């Protein structure tokens, strides 16, 4: 489980949302969902690669967090089952 946390800490840049090229324009559209609504900001093409990498960093972080949670849930359930079995064996 420690490996998930180590990989999460190693992510240096994160950004939510998605990046969409604007047809015929020198910038990209960065869309995020915040406070119940879609927020859009324009990003110069020169910043698009770094922003895309940050978006991928956030996606990796979320994926690792889900995997970490799955592992903790698995251990929790296994522990509960173990206690149930021990309780049944008591006279």
N, C-alpha and C. Protein backbone atom coordinates (compact mmCIF):
# COMPACT_ATOMS: atom_id res chain seq x y z
N UNK A 1 0.82 -1.19 0.00
CA UNK A 1 0.00 0.00 0.00
C UNK A 1 0.87 1.26 0.00
N UNK A 2 2.01 1.15 0.58
CA UNK A 2 2.91 2.29 0.64
C UNK A 2 3.30 2.75 -0.76
N UNK A 3 3.36 1.81 -1.69
CA UNK A 3 3.77 2.15 -3.06
C UNK A 3 2.78 3.11 -3.72
N UNK A 4 1.48 2.97 -3.40
CA UNK A 4 0.49 3.89 -3.96
C UNK A 4 0.75 5.31 -3.46
N UNK A 5 0.98 5.43 -2.15
CA UNK A 5 1.22 6.74 -1.56
C UNK A 5 2.50 7.38 -2.08
N UNK A 6 3.52 6.57 -2.26
CA UNK A 6 4.78 7.08 -2.78
C UNK A 6 4.61 7.61 -4.20
N UNK A 7 3.86 6.87 -5.02
CA UNK A 7 3.62 7.32 -6.39
C UNK A 7 2.75 8.57 -6.42
N UNK A 8 1.79 8.66 -5.50
CA UNK A 8 0.93 9.84 -5.45
C UNK A 8 1.74 11.08 -5.08
N UNK A 9 2.62 10.93 -4.10
CA UNK A 9 3.45 12.06 -3.65
C UNK A 9 4.40 12.52 -4.75
N UNK A 10 4.81 11.60 -5.62
CA UNK A 10 5.77 11.93 -6.67
C UNK A 10 5.17 12.77 -7.80
N UNK A 11 3.86 12.88 -7.86
CA UNK A 11 3.22 13.68 -8.91
C UNK A 11 3.38 15.16 -8.55
N UNK A 12 4.08 15.88 -9.39
CA UNK A 12 4.42 17.28 -9.07
C UNK A 12 3.42 18.29 -9.60
N UNK A 13 2.73 17.98 -10.68
CA UNK A 13 1.79 18.92 -11.28
C UNK A 13 0.45 18.22 -11.52
N UNK A 14 -0.63 18.92 -11.18
CA UNK A 14 -1.97 18.38 -11.41
C UNK A 14 -2.91 19.50 -11.84
N UNK A 15 -3.86 19.13 -12.66
CA UNK A 15 -4.91 20.04 -13.08
C UNK A 15 -6.12 19.20 -13.45
N UNK A 16 -7.29 19.64 -13.06
CA UNK A 16 -8.53 18.94 -13.42
C UNK A 16 -8.97 19.37 -14.81
N UNK A 17 -9.86 18.58 -15.39
CA UNK A 17 -10.51 18.99 -16.63
C UNK A 17 -9.97 18.31 -17.86
N UNK A 18 -10.29 18.94 -18.98
CA UNK A 18 -9.81 18.43 -20.26
C UNK A 18 -9.40 19.59 -21.13
N UNK A 19 -8.56 19.30 -22.08
CA UNK A 19 -8.01 20.31 -22.97
C UNK A 19 -8.47 20.02 -24.39
N UNK A 20 -9.08 21.00 -25.03
CA UNK A 20 -9.62 20.82 -26.37
C UNK A 20 -9.01 21.86 -27.32
N UNK A 21 -8.50 21.42 -28.47
CA UNK A 21 -7.98 22.40 -29.43
C UNK A 21 -9.14 23.20 -30.02
N UNK A 22 -8.91 24.46 -30.27
CA UNK A 22 -9.91 25.33 -30.88
C UNK A 22 -9.60 25.42 -32.37
N UNK A 23 -10.53 25.02 -33.18
CA UNK A 23 -10.33 25.02 -34.62
C UNK A 23 -10.09 26.44 -35.13
N UNK A 24 -9.00 26.59 -35.85
CA UNK A 24 -8.69 27.88 -36.46
C UNK A 24 -8.28 28.96 -35.48
N UNK A 25 -7.94 28.58 -34.25
CA UNK A 25 -7.54 29.58 -33.25
C UNK A 25 -6.20 29.18 -32.64
N UNK A 26 -5.44 30.16 -32.16
CA UNK A 26 -4.10 29.87 -31.62
C UNK A 26 -4.10 29.45 -30.15
N UNK A 27 -5.23 29.02 -29.66
CA UNK A 27 -5.29 28.62 -28.25
C UNK A 27 -6.14 27.37 -28.07
N UNK A 28 -6.13 26.87 -26.85
CA UNK A 28 -6.89 25.68 -26.49
C UNK A 28 -7.96 26.07 -25.48
N UNK A 29 -8.96 25.25 -25.39
CA UNK A 29 -10.05 25.44 -24.45
C UNK A 29 -9.83 24.47 -23.28
N UNK A 30 -9.66 24.99 -22.07
CA UNK A 30 -9.48 24.14 -20.89
C UNK A 30 -10.80 24.16 -20.12
N UNK A 31 -11.46 23.00 -20.05
CA UNK A 31 -12.77 22.91 -19.41
C UNK A 31 -12.65 22.14 -18.10
N UNK A 32 -13.25 22.70 -17.04
CA UNK A 32 -13.30 22.04 -15.75
C UNK A 32 -14.69 22.20 -15.16
N UNK A 33 -15.06 21.28 -14.30
CA UNK A 33 -16.33 21.35 -13.60
C UNK A 33 -16.04 21.83 -12.19
N UNK A 34 -16.66 22.95 -11.80
CA UNK A 34 -16.39 23.52 -10.47
C UNK A 34 -17.64 24.19 -9.93
N UNK A 35 -17.92 23.91 -8.66
CA UNK A 35 -19.08 24.50 -7.99
C UNK A 35 -20.38 24.31 -8.79
N UNK A 36 -20.53 23.11 -9.35
CA UNK A 36 -21.76 22.78 -10.05
C UNK A 36 -21.90 23.38 -11.44
N UNK A 37 -20.84 23.89 -11.97
CA UNK A 37 -20.93 24.44 -13.32
C UNK A 37 -19.63 24.27 -14.08
N UNK A 38 -19.75 24.34 -15.39
CA UNK A 38 -18.60 24.19 -16.28
C UNK A 38 -17.85 25.52 -16.35
N UNK A 39 -16.56 25.47 -16.10
CA UNK A 39 -15.71 26.65 -16.24
C UNK A 39 -14.80 26.44 -17.43
N UNK A 40 -14.61 27.46 -18.20
CA UNK A 40 -13.78 27.39 -19.40
C UNK A 40 -12.76 28.51 -19.35
N UNK A 41 -11.54 28.17 -19.71
CA UNK A 41 -10.53 29.22 -19.85
C UNK A 41 -9.71 28.92 -21.09
N UNK A 42 -9.20 29.95 -21.69
CA UNK A 42 -8.39 29.80 -22.89
C UNK A 42 -6.93 29.68 -22.50
N UNK A 43 -6.25 28.78 -23.18
CA UNK A 43 -4.84 28.52 -22.89
C UNK A 43 -4.05 28.68 -24.19
N UNK A 44 -2.99 29.46 -24.17
CA UNK A 44 -2.16 29.59 -25.38
C UNK A 44 -1.57 28.24 -25.78
N UNK A 45 -1.38 28.06 -27.06
CA UNK A 45 -0.83 26.79 -27.57
C UNK A 45 0.52 26.49 -26.93
N UNK A 46 1.28 27.51 -26.60
CA UNK A 46 2.60 27.31 -26.00
C UNK A 46 2.52 26.67 -24.61
N UNK A 47 1.37 26.77 -23.94
CA UNK A 47 1.19 26.19 -22.60
C UNK A 47 0.42 24.87 -22.62
N UNK A 48 -0.05 24.47 -23.78
CA UNK A 48 -0.93 23.29 -23.87
C UNK A 48 -0.25 22.00 -23.44
N UNK A 49 0.99 21.78 -23.84
CA UNK A 49 1.67 20.52 -23.50
C UNK A 49 1.85 20.39 -21.99
N UNK A 50 2.25 21.46 -21.33
CA UNK A 50 2.44 21.41 -19.88
C UNK A 50 1.10 21.20 -19.17
N UNK A 51 0.06 21.85 -19.66
CA UNK A 51 -1.26 21.68 -19.06
C UNK A 51 -1.76 20.25 -19.26
N UNK A 52 -1.55 19.68 -20.44
CA UNK A 52 -1.97 18.30 -20.69
C UNK A 52 -1.24 17.34 -19.77
N UNK A 53 0.03 17.59 -19.52
CA UNK A 53 0.79 16.74 -18.60
C UNK A 53 0.23 16.85 -17.18
N UNK A 54 -0.16 18.06 -16.77
CA UNK A 54 -0.75 18.26 -15.45
C UNK A 54 -2.10 17.55 -15.34
N UNK A 55 -2.89 17.58 -16.41
CA UNK A 55 -4.17 16.87 -16.43
C UNK A 55 -3.93 15.36 -16.29
N UNK A 56 -2.94 14.85 -16.99
CA UNK A 56 -2.59 13.43 -16.87
C UNK A 56 -2.10 13.11 -15.46
N UNK A 57 -1.40 14.04 -14.82
CA UNK A 57 -0.96 13.85 -13.44
C UNK A 57 -2.14 13.71 -12.50
N UNK A 58 -3.16 14.53 -12.70
CA UNK A 58 -4.36 14.44 -11.86
C UNK A 58 -5.08 13.11 -12.08
N UNK A 59 -5.19 12.71 -13.34
CA UNK A 59 -5.85 11.42 -13.64
C UNK A 59 -5.10 10.26 -13.00
N UNK A 60 -3.78 10.30 -13.05
CA UNK A 60 -2.98 9.25 -12.41
C UNK A 60 -3.20 9.27 -10.90
N UNK A 61 -3.23 10.47 -10.31
CA UNK A 61 -3.45 10.59 -8.88
C UNK A 61 -4.79 9.96 -8.48
N UNK A 62 -5.83 10.25 -9.23
CA UNK A 62 -7.16 9.70 -8.94
C UNK A 62 -7.14 8.18 -9.09
N UNK A 63 -6.50 7.69 -10.13
CA UNK A 63 -6.41 6.24 -10.34
C UNK A 63 -5.68 5.57 -9.17
N UNK A 64 -4.58 6.14 -8.74
CA UNK A 64 -3.82 5.59 -7.62
C UNK A 64 -4.63 5.66 -6.33
N UNK A 65 -5.35 6.76 -6.12
CA UNK A 65 -6.18 6.89 -4.92
C UNK A 65 -7.27 5.82 -4.90
N UNK A 66 -7.87 5.54 -6.06
CA UNK A 66 -8.89 4.49 -6.13
C UNK A 66 -8.28 3.12 -5.85
N UNK A 67 -7.10 2.87 -6.38
CA UNK A 67 -6.44 1.59 -6.13
C UNK A 67 -6.08 1.45 -4.65
N UNK A 68 -5.62 2.54 -4.06
CA UNK A 68 -5.30 2.52 -2.63
C UNK A 68 -6.56 2.23 -1.82
N UNK A 69 -7.65 2.92 -2.14
CA UNK A 69 -8.92 2.69 -1.44
C UNK A 69 -9.38 1.24 -1.61
N UNK A 70 -9.27 0.70 -2.82
CA UNK A 70 -9.65 -0.69 -3.05
C UNK A 70 -8.85 -1.64 -2.17
N UNK A 71 -7.57 -1.37 -2.03
CA UNK A 71 -6.71 -2.21 -1.20
C UNK A 71 -7.11 -2.13 0.27
N UNK A 72 -7.36 -0.92 0.76
CA UNK A 72 -7.77 -0.75 2.15
C UNK A 72 -9.13 -1.42 2.38
N UNK A 73 -10.04 -1.28 1.44
CA UNK A 73 -11.36 -1.93 1.55
C UNK A 73 -11.19 -3.44 1.61
N UNK A 74 -10.34 -3.97 0.75
CA UNK A 74 -10.09 -5.42 0.74
C UNK A 74 -9.56 -5.89 2.09
N UNK A 75 -8.59 -5.15 2.64
CA UNK A 75 -8.03 -5.52 3.94
C UNK A 75 -9.07 -5.40 5.05
N UNK A 76 -9.89 -4.38 4.99
CA UNK A 76 -10.94 -4.18 5.99
C UNK A 76 -11.93 -5.33 5.97
N UNK A 77 -12.35 -5.72 4.77
CA UNK A 77 -13.31 -6.82 4.65
C UNK A 77 -12.70 -8.13 5.12
N UNK A 78 -11.45 -8.35 4.77
CA UNK A 78 -10.78 -9.58 5.20
C UNK A 78 -10.67 -9.64 6.72
N UNK A 79 -10.38 -8.50 7.33
CA UNK A 79 -10.29 -8.43 8.79
C UNK A 79 -11.65 -8.71 9.43
N UNK A 80 -12.71 -8.15 8.87
CA UNK A 80 -14.05 -8.39 9.41
C UNK A 80 -14.43 -9.86 9.31
N UNK A 81 -14.12 -10.49 8.18
CA UNK A 81 -14.41 -11.91 8.00
C UNK A 81 -13.63 -12.75 9.01
N UNK A 82 -12.40 -12.38 9.24
CA UNK A 82 -11.57 -13.10 10.20
C UNK A 82 -12.19 -13.02 11.59
N UNK A 83 -12.66 -11.83 11.98
CA UNK A 83 -13.29 -11.66 13.29
C UNK A 83 -14.60 -12.45 13.37
N UNK A 84 -15.35 -12.50 12.27
CA UNK A 84 -16.59 -13.28 12.26
C UNK A 84 -16.30 -14.75 12.51
N UNK A 85 -15.29 -15.26 11.81
CA UNK A 85 -14.94 -16.68 11.97
C UNK A 85 -14.46 -16.98 13.38
N UNK A 86 -13.69 -16.08 13.96
CA UNK A 86 -13.21 -16.28 15.33
C UNK A 86 -14.38 -16.25 16.32
N UNK A 87 -15.36 -15.39 16.06
CA UNK A 87 -16.54 -15.32 16.93
C UNK A 87 -17.38 -16.57 16.87
N UNK A 88 -17.44 -17.23 15.75
CA UNK A 88 -18.19 -18.46 15.59
C UNK A 88 -17.52 -19.64 16.31
N UNK A 89 -16.20 -19.58 16.41
CA UNK A 89 -15.48 -20.67 17.03
C UNK A 89 -15.54 -20.64 18.55
N UNK A 90 -15.88 -19.50 19.13
CA UNK A 90 -15.93 -19.38 20.59
C UNK A 90 -17.11 -20.18 21.13
N UNK A 91 -16.91 -20.90 22.26
CA UNK A 91 -17.98 -21.73 22.81
C UNK A 91 -19.08 -20.94 23.44
